[in-house]
N, C-alpha and C. Protein backbone atom coordinates (compact mmCIF):
# COMPACT_ATOMS: atom_id res chain seq x y z
N MET A 1 -104.74 -350.69 46.83
CA MET A 1 -105.68 -350.30 46.76
C MET A 1 -106.25 -349.29 46.03
N ARG A 2 -107.48 -349.07 45.30
CA ARG A 2 -107.73 -347.52 44.77
C ARG A 2 -108.23 -346.61 46.13
N THR A 3 -108.34 -345.81 46.17
CA THR A 3 -109.02 -344.88 46.47
C THR A 3 -110.72 -344.31 47.27
N ARG A 4 -111.32 -344.85 46.15
CA ARG A 4 -112.86 -345.58 46.57
C ARG A 4 -112.97 -346.26 47.04
N SER A 5 -112.40 -347.12 46.40
CA SER A 5 -112.66 -348.76 47.75
C SER A 5 -112.62 -348.43 48.92
N VAL A 6 -111.34 -348.12 48.93
CA VAL A 6 -110.85 -347.73 50.80
C VAL A 6 -112.42 -346.87 51.19
N LEU A 7 -112.52 -345.65 50.59
CA LEU A 7 -113.46 -344.73 51.22
C LEU A 7 -114.98 -345.99 51.42
N PHE A 8 -115.17 -347.04 50.50
CA PHE A 8 -116.31 -347.69 50.39
C PHE A 8 -116.16 -348.69 51.90
N ILE A 9 -115.47 -349.51 51.50
CA ILE A 9 -114.95 -350.18 53.12
C ILE A 9 -115.12 -349.08 54.79
N ALA A 10 -114.60 -347.97 54.38
CA ALA A 10 -114.41 -346.75 55.55
C ALA A 10 -115.45 -346.42 55.95
N PHE A 11 -116.91 -346.55 55.12
CA PHE A 11 -118.02 -345.67 54.91
C PHE A 11 -119.08 -346.57 55.17
N VAL A 12 -119.31 -347.73 54.72
CA VAL A 12 -120.29 -348.38 54.29
C VAL A 12 -120.34 -349.99 55.21
N VAL A 13 -118.79 -350.63 55.17
CA VAL A 13 -118.16 -352.01 55.20
C VAL A 13 -118.33 -351.87 57.12
N VAL A 14 -117.39 -351.27 57.27
CA VAL A 14 -116.81 -350.43 58.49
C VAL A 14 -118.30 -350.67 59.31
N PRO A 15 -118.86 -349.51 59.35
CA PRO A 15 -120.31 -349.56 60.09
C PRO A 15 -121.33 -350.62 59.93
N LEU A 16 -120.97 -351.02 58.54
CA LEU A 16 -122.06 -352.59 58.67
C LEU A 16 -122.27 -353.34 59.62
N ALA A 17 -120.37 -353.79 59.43
CA ALA A 17 -119.61 -354.81 60.56
C ALA A 17 -120.16 -354.54 61.90
N GLU A 18 -119.31 -353.52 61.99
CA GLU A 18 -120.08 -352.78 63.95
C GLU A 18 -121.59 -352.98 63.99
N ILE A 19 -122.26 -352.82 63.08
CA ILE A 19 -123.85 -352.67 63.77
C ILE A 19 -123.81 -354.41 64.08
N ALA A 20 -123.34 -355.19 63.26
CA ALA A 20 -123.71 -356.63 63.22
C ALA A 20 -123.17 -357.11 64.05
N ILE A 21 -121.59 -356.59 64.97
CA ILE A 21 -121.02 -356.97 65.72
C ILE A 21 -121.93 -356.44 67.09
N LEU A 22 -122.52 -355.70 67.03
CA LEU A 22 -122.94 -355.18 68.58
C LEU A 22 -124.05 -355.75 68.60
N ILE A 23 -124.98 -356.05 67.40
CA ILE A 23 -126.19 -357.14 67.56
C ILE A 23 -126.13 -358.38 68.27
N ALA A 24 -125.30 -358.71 67.64
CA ALA A 24 -125.09 -360.20 67.91
C ALA A 24 -124.41 -360.50 69.31
N PHE A 25 -123.31 -359.54 70.03
CA PHE A 25 -122.82 -359.21 71.14
C PHE A 25 -124.28 -359.07 72.34
N GLY A 26 -125.17 -358.29 71.83
CA GLY A 26 -125.94 -357.64 72.59
C GLY A 26 -127.14 -359.16 72.84
N ASN A 27 -127.30 -360.24 71.73
CA ASN A 27 -128.35 -360.77 71.84
C ASN A 27 -127.78 -361.96 72.28
N ALA A 28 -126.23 -362.03 72.34
CA ALA A 28 -125.31 -363.01 73.36
C ALA A 28 -125.62 -362.52 74.85
N PHE A 29 -125.46 -361.68 75.41
CA PHE A 29 -125.28 -360.96 76.87
C PHE A 29 -125.88 -360.19 76.98
N GLY A 30 -127.02 -359.23 76.52
CA GLY A 30 -127.71 -357.98 76.63
C GLY A 30 -127.63 -356.93 76.59
N PHE A 31 -128.39 -356.02 76.09
CA PHE A 31 -128.22 -354.56 75.87
C PHE A 31 -127.14 -354.60 76.85
N TRP A 32 -127.54 -353.94 78.35
CA TRP A 32 -126.53 -354.00 79.22
C TRP A 32 -125.19 -353.93 79.54
N TRP A 33 -124.96 -354.84 79.07
CA TRP A 33 -123.69 -355.07 79.28
C TRP A 33 -123.18 -355.09 77.56
N THR A 34 -123.63 -355.04 76.25
CA THR A 34 -123.14 -354.61 75.38
C THR A 34 -122.88 -352.56 76.09
N PHE A 35 -124.03 -352.11 76.30
CA PHE A 35 -123.83 -350.83 76.08
C PHE A 35 -122.82 -350.63 77.35
N GLY A 36 -122.80 -351.20 78.52
CA GLY A 36 -121.59 -351.00 79.30
C GLY A 36 -120.21 -350.94 78.99
N LEU A 37 -120.09 -352.31 78.18
CA LEU A 37 -118.62 -352.90 77.60
C LEU A 37 -118.08 -351.32 76.41
N VAL A 38 -119.25 -350.99 76.01
CA VAL A 38 -118.94 -349.60 74.73
C VAL A 38 -118.61 -348.56 75.54
N VAL A 39 -118.81 -348.42 76.37
CA VAL A 39 -118.94 -347.40 77.69
C VAL A 39 -117.74 -347.47 78.82
N ALA A 40 -117.36 -348.36 78.57
CA ALA A 40 -116.35 -348.55 79.47
C ALA A 40 -114.46 -348.73 78.14
N THR A 41 -114.99 -349.45 77.55
CA THR A 41 -114.08 -348.90 76.24
C THR A 41 -113.74 -347.54 76.04
N ALA A 42 -114.84 -346.68 75.82
CA ALA A 42 -114.56 -345.38 75.50
C ALA A 42 -113.79 -344.80 76.66
N LEU A 43 -113.90 -344.63 78.11
CA LEU A 43 -113.64 -344.49 79.36
C LEU A 43 -111.95 -344.51 79.11
N LEU A 44 -111.89 -345.99 79.25
CA LEU A 44 -110.58 -346.62 79.11
C LEU A 44 -109.46 -346.20 78.00
N GLY A 45 -109.85 -346.17 77.04
CA GLY A 45 -109.56 -345.78 75.44
C GLY A 45 -109.03 -344.18 75.59
N SER A 46 -110.28 -343.39 75.99
CA SER A 46 -109.91 -341.69 76.57
C SER A 46 -108.83 -342.03 77.35
N TRP A 47 -108.73 -342.59 78.47
CA TRP A 47 -107.38 -342.34 79.61
C TRP A 47 -106.23 -342.21 78.85
N LEU A 48 -105.98 -344.11 78.19
CA LEU A 48 -104.64 -344.58 77.96
C LEU A 48 -104.62 -343.12 76.37
N VAL A 49 -105.31 -343.09 75.55
CA VAL A 49 -105.26 -342.43 74.25
C VAL A 49 -104.44 -340.32 75.01
N SER A 50 -104.79 -340.09 76.30
CA SER A 50 -104.38 -338.69 77.05
C SER A 50 -102.99 -339.21 77.64
N LEU A 51 -102.82 -340.39 78.15
CA LEU A 51 -101.73 -340.72 78.81
C LEU A 51 -100.75 -340.93 77.99
N GLN A 52 -100.57 -341.70 77.03
CA GLN A 52 -99.66 -342.19 76.18
C GLN A 52 -99.41 -341.06 75.29
N GLY A 53 -100.77 -339.61 75.05
CA GLY A 53 -100.52 -338.79 73.85
C GLY A 53 -99.36 -338.05 74.75
N ARG A 54 -99.93 -337.52 76.05
CA ARG A 54 -98.78 -336.90 76.51
C ARG A 54 -97.21 -337.10 76.70
N ALA A 55 -97.30 -338.17 77.28
CA ALA A 55 -95.85 -338.99 76.98
C ALA A 55 -95.07 -338.61 75.37
N THR A 56 -95.97 -338.51 74.61
CA THR A 56 -95.44 -339.00 73.41
C THR A 56 -95.15 -337.17 73.36
N ILE A 57 -95.89 -336.39 73.55
CA ILE A 57 -95.76 -334.64 73.27
C ILE A 57 -93.63 -334.47 73.96
N ALA A 58 -94.12 -334.92 75.33
CA ALA A 58 -92.58 -334.55 76.12
C ALA A 58 -91.37 -335.30 75.51
N GLN A 59 -91.91 -336.24 75.09
CA GLN A 59 -90.80 -337.20 74.24
C GLN A 59 -90.12 -336.55 72.92
N VAL A 60 -90.78 -336.22 72.54
CA VAL A 60 -90.68 -334.75 70.97
C VAL A 60 -90.17 -333.95 71.38
N ARG A 61 -90.98 -333.48 72.60
CA ARG A 61 -90.11 -332.08 73.09
C ARG A 61 -88.73 -332.34 73.47
N SER A 62 -88.45 -333.91 74.18
CA SER A 62 -86.77 -333.73 74.76
C SER A 62 -86.22 -333.80 73.18
N GLU A 63 -86.42 -334.64 72.37
CA GLU A 63 -86.38 -334.72 71.31
C GLU A 63 -85.53 -333.76 70.61
N PHE A 64 -86.24 -332.97 70.24
CA PHE A 64 -85.82 -331.88 69.88
C PHE A 64 -84.79 -330.63 70.44
N GLY A 65 -85.34 -330.70 72.11
CA GLY A 65 -84.69 -330.09 73.07
C GLY A 65 -82.74 -330.80 72.54
N ALA A 66 -82.58 -332.02 72.58
CA ALA A 66 -81.30 -332.29 72.45
C ALA A 66 -80.79 -332.02 71.05
N GLY A 67 -81.80 -331.32 69.96
CA GLY A 67 -81.02 -331.31 68.83
C GLY A 67 -81.92 -332.45 67.39
N GLN A 68 -82.39 -333.27 67.95
CA GLN A 68 -82.44 -334.63 67.02
C GLN A 68 -83.91 -334.28 66.29
N LEU A 69 -83.79 -335.17 65.35
CA LEU A 69 -85.31 -335.32 64.47
C LEU A 69 -85.80 -336.19 65.25
N PRO A 70 -86.99 -335.95 65.58
CA PRO A 70 -88.28 -336.86 66.29
C PRO A 70 -89.02 -337.44 65.39
N GLY A 71 -88.73 -338.19 64.45
CA GLY A 71 -89.40 -338.86 63.24
C GLY A 71 -90.25 -339.93 64.27
N ALA A 72 -89.58 -340.78 64.71
CA ALA A 72 -90.40 -341.88 65.62
C ALA A 72 -91.12 -341.58 66.68
N SER A 73 -91.01 -340.70 67.19
CA SER A 73 -91.70 -340.33 68.21
C SER A 73 -93.25 -339.30 67.23
N ILE A 74 -92.91 -338.58 66.37
CA ILE A 74 -94.21 -338.10 65.82
C ILE A 74 -95.25 -339.66 65.35
N ALA A 75 -94.47 -340.23 65.00
CA ALA A 75 -95.57 -341.49 64.35
C ALA A 75 -96.04 -342.19 65.09
N HIS A 76 -95.61 -342.16 66.11
CA HIS A 76 -96.26 -342.84 67.43
C HIS A 76 -97.22 -342.11 67.71
N GLY A 77 -96.76 -340.75 67.93
CA GLY A 77 -98.07 -339.87 68.22
C GLY A 77 -99.22 -339.79 67.42
N ALA A 78 -98.80 -339.49 65.79
CA ALA A 78 -99.68 -340.28 65.24
C ALA A 78 -100.58 -341.06 64.64
N MET A 79 -100.07 -342.33 65.51
CA MET A 79 -100.93 -343.68 65.34
C MET A 79 -101.53 -343.63 67.05
N ILE A 80 -101.56 -342.88 67.41
CA ILE A 80 -101.81 -342.35 69.20
C ILE A 80 -103.16 -342.03 68.71
N LEU A 81 -102.86 -340.94 67.86
CA LEU A 81 -104.01 -339.99 67.37
C LEU A 81 -105.32 -340.88 66.24
N ILE A 82 -104.69 -341.95 65.65
CA ILE A 82 -105.20 -342.47 65.59
C ILE A 82 -106.35 -343.26 66.13
N ALA A 83 -105.79 -343.89 66.94
CA ALA A 83 -106.37 -344.84 68.10
C ALA A 83 -106.98 -344.49 68.75
N GLY A 84 -107.19 -342.77 68.68
CA GLY A 84 -108.21 -342.18 69.66
C GLY A 84 -109.76 -342.07 68.54
N ALA A 85 -109.41 -341.54 67.54
CA ALA A 85 -110.64 -341.40 66.57
C ALA A 85 -111.30 -342.87 66.51
N PHE A 86 -110.22 -344.23 66.58
CA PHE A 86 -110.89 -345.60 66.23
C PHE A 86 -111.91 -345.85 67.72
N LEU A 87 -110.63 -345.21 68.78
CA LEU A 87 -112.03 -345.80 70.12
C LEU A 87 -113.03 -344.63 70.57
N LEU A 88 -113.15 -343.90 69.86
CA LEU A 88 -114.47 -342.42 69.58
C LEU A 88 -115.55 -343.39 68.89
N THR A 89 -115.04 -344.30 67.89
CA THR A 89 -115.93 -344.38 67.45
C THR A 89 -117.06 -345.49 68.09
N PRO A 90 -118.01 -345.53 68.07
CA PRO A 90 -118.82 -347.00 69.05
C PRO A 90 -118.88 -347.91 68.06
N GLY A 91 -117.94 -348.94 68.61
CA GLY A 91 -118.44 -350.60 68.14
C GLY A 91 -116.91 -351.05 68.75
N LEU A 92 -117.08 -352.38 68.55
CA LEU A 92 -116.04 -353.66 69.33
C LEU A 92 -115.14 -353.64 68.76
N MET A 93 -115.88 -353.48 66.77
CA MET A 93 -114.26 -353.90 65.86
C MET A 93 -113.17 -352.73 66.01
N THR A 94 -114.01 -351.36 66.32
CA THR A 94 -112.80 -350.17 65.73
C THR A 94 -112.26 -349.94 67.42
N ASP A 95 -113.03 -350.26 68.30
CA ASP A 95 -112.16 -350.20 69.76
C ASP A 95 -111.14 -351.47 69.72
N GLY A 96 -110.71 -352.28 69.35
CA GLY A 96 -110.13 -353.71 69.07
C GLY A 96 -108.81 -352.98 68.06
N VAL A 97 -109.19 -352.01 66.90
CA VAL A 97 -108.29 -352.00 66.29
C VAL A 97 -107.61 -350.50 67.24
N GLY A 98 -108.18 -349.65 67.94
CA GLY A 98 -107.75 -348.33 68.65
C GLY A 98 -106.76 -348.74 69.91
N PHE A 99 -107.50 -350.40 70.52
CA PHE A 99 -106.38 -350.93 71.48
C PHE A 99 -105.22 -351.23 70.81
N MET A 100 -105.23 -351.91 69.92
CA MET A 100 -103.96 -352.24 69.39
C MET A 100 -102.71 -351.38 68.73
N LEU A 101 -103.76 -350.00 68.39
CA LEU A 101 -102.69 -348.74 68.57
C LEU A 101 -101.65 -347.90 69.92
N LEU A 102 -102.29 -348.69 70.54
CA LEU A 102 -102.42 -347.88 71.87
C LEU A 102 -101.08 -349.00 72.43
N ILE A 103 -100.36 -350.12 71.87
CA ILE A 103 -99.41 -351.01 72.42
C ILE A 103 -98.19 -350.74 71.25
N PRO A 104 -97.01 -350.37 71.93
CA PRO A 104 -95.96 -349.51 71.87
C PRO A 104 -95.09 -350.18 70.75
N ALA A 105 -95.15 -351.68 70.93
CA ALA A 105 -94.88 -352.72 69.91
C ALA A 105 -95.37 -352.99 68.49
N VAL A 106 -96.92 -353.00 68.85
CA VAL A 106 -97.18 -352.78 67.74
C VAL A 106 -97.18 -351.66 66.64
N ARG A 107 -97.29 -350.34 67.49
CA ARG A 107 -97.01 -349.11 66.49
C ARG A 107 -95.68 -349.23 65.74
N GLU A 108 -94.68 -349.43 66.41
CA GLU A 108 -93.22 -349.43 66.07
C GLU A 108 -93.39 -350.37 65.18
N ALA A 109 -93.54 -351.83 64.84
CA ALA A 109 -93.51 -352.44 63.58
C ALA A 109 -94.43 -351.49 62.79
N ILE A 110 -95.59 -350.78 62.47
CA ILE A 110 -96.26 -350.27 61.29
C ILE A 110 -95.47 -349.51 60.82
N ARG A 111 -95.11 -348.57 62.09
CA ARG A 111 -94.10 -347.62 61.41
C ARG A 111 -92.77 -348.46 60.80
N ARG A 112 -92.27 -349.09 61.22
CA ARG A 112 -90.84 -350.17 60.18
C ARG A 112 -91.53 -350.40 58.53
N TRP A 113 -92.46 -350.71 59.11
CA TRP A 113 -92.88 -351.49 57.81
C TRP A 113 -93.68 -350.50 56.78
N LEU A 114 -94.28 -349.10 57.09
CA LEU A 114 -94.64 -348.03 56.54
C LEU A 114 -92.89 -347.43 55.85
N VAL A 115 -92.44 -347.39 56.40
CA VAL A 115 -90.42 -346.88 56.43
C VAL A 115 -90.10 -347.50 55.12
N ALA A 116 -90.06 -349.24 55.34
CA ALA A 116 -89.65 -349.98 54.52
C ALA A 116 -90.29 -349.82 53.03
N ARG A 117 -91.93 -349.55 53.09
CA ARG A 117 -92.87 -349.61 52.00
C ARG A 117 -92.36 -348.58 51.31
N TYR A 118 -92.64 -347.26 52.11
CA TYR A 118 -92.36 -346.01 51.17
C TYR A 118 -91.32 -345.29 51.28
N ALA A 119 -90.06 -345.54 52.02
CA ALA A 119 -88.75 -344.89 52.07
C ALA A 119 -88.54 -344.33 50.52
N ASP A 120 -88.74 -345.24 49.35
CA ASP A 120 -88.14 -345.03 48.30
C ASP A 120 -88.80 -343.58 47.65
N ARG A 121 -89.53 -343.44 48.36
CA ARG A 121 -91.06 -342.36 47.49
C ARG A 121 -91.01 -340.69 48.33
N TRP A 122 -89.61 -340.74 49.63
CA TRP A 122 -89.84 -340.04 50.29
C TRP A 122 -88.59 -339.14 49.74
N ILE A 123 -87.93 -338.00 49.73
CA ILE A 123 -87.06 -336.89 49.41
C ILE A 123 -87.03 -336.01 50.29
N ILE A 124 -85.71 -336.18 50.52
CA ILE A 124 -84.83 -336.02 52.35
C ILE A 124 -84.08 -334.53 51.67
N VAL A 125 -84.38 -333.89 51.78
CA VAL A 125 -83.46 -332.16 51.44
C VAL A 125 -82.93 -332.16 52.31
N PRO A 126 -81.50 -332.14 52.54
CA PRO A 126 -80.40 -331.47 53.52
C PRO A 126 -80.67 -330.03 53.41
């Protein structure tokens, strides 16, 4: 996908979809339930990102201490950081993506897919 297409989706399509979803949810359940859900997902998401982020940092330190390259742990840490960005963005769709990235099995599947897709482009220098 071209960079312009990705940027258009990120800056135009996603916010418009979020607004539409929030309006529909607000019409169905009321403003306060919608507001409460957005605040609750932000609080829960920030707690989970903090918890998993600290655990991942500890794992990276442990792997470095054992003389291992913590490639998978660093990838998981990057995805946890991205999850935090999605969870900071107000909206139900981005919160869903953020919470999905906080599931270790989902992160591992994404990591494996990225490695399989881009492994031939990486140069490993001994």
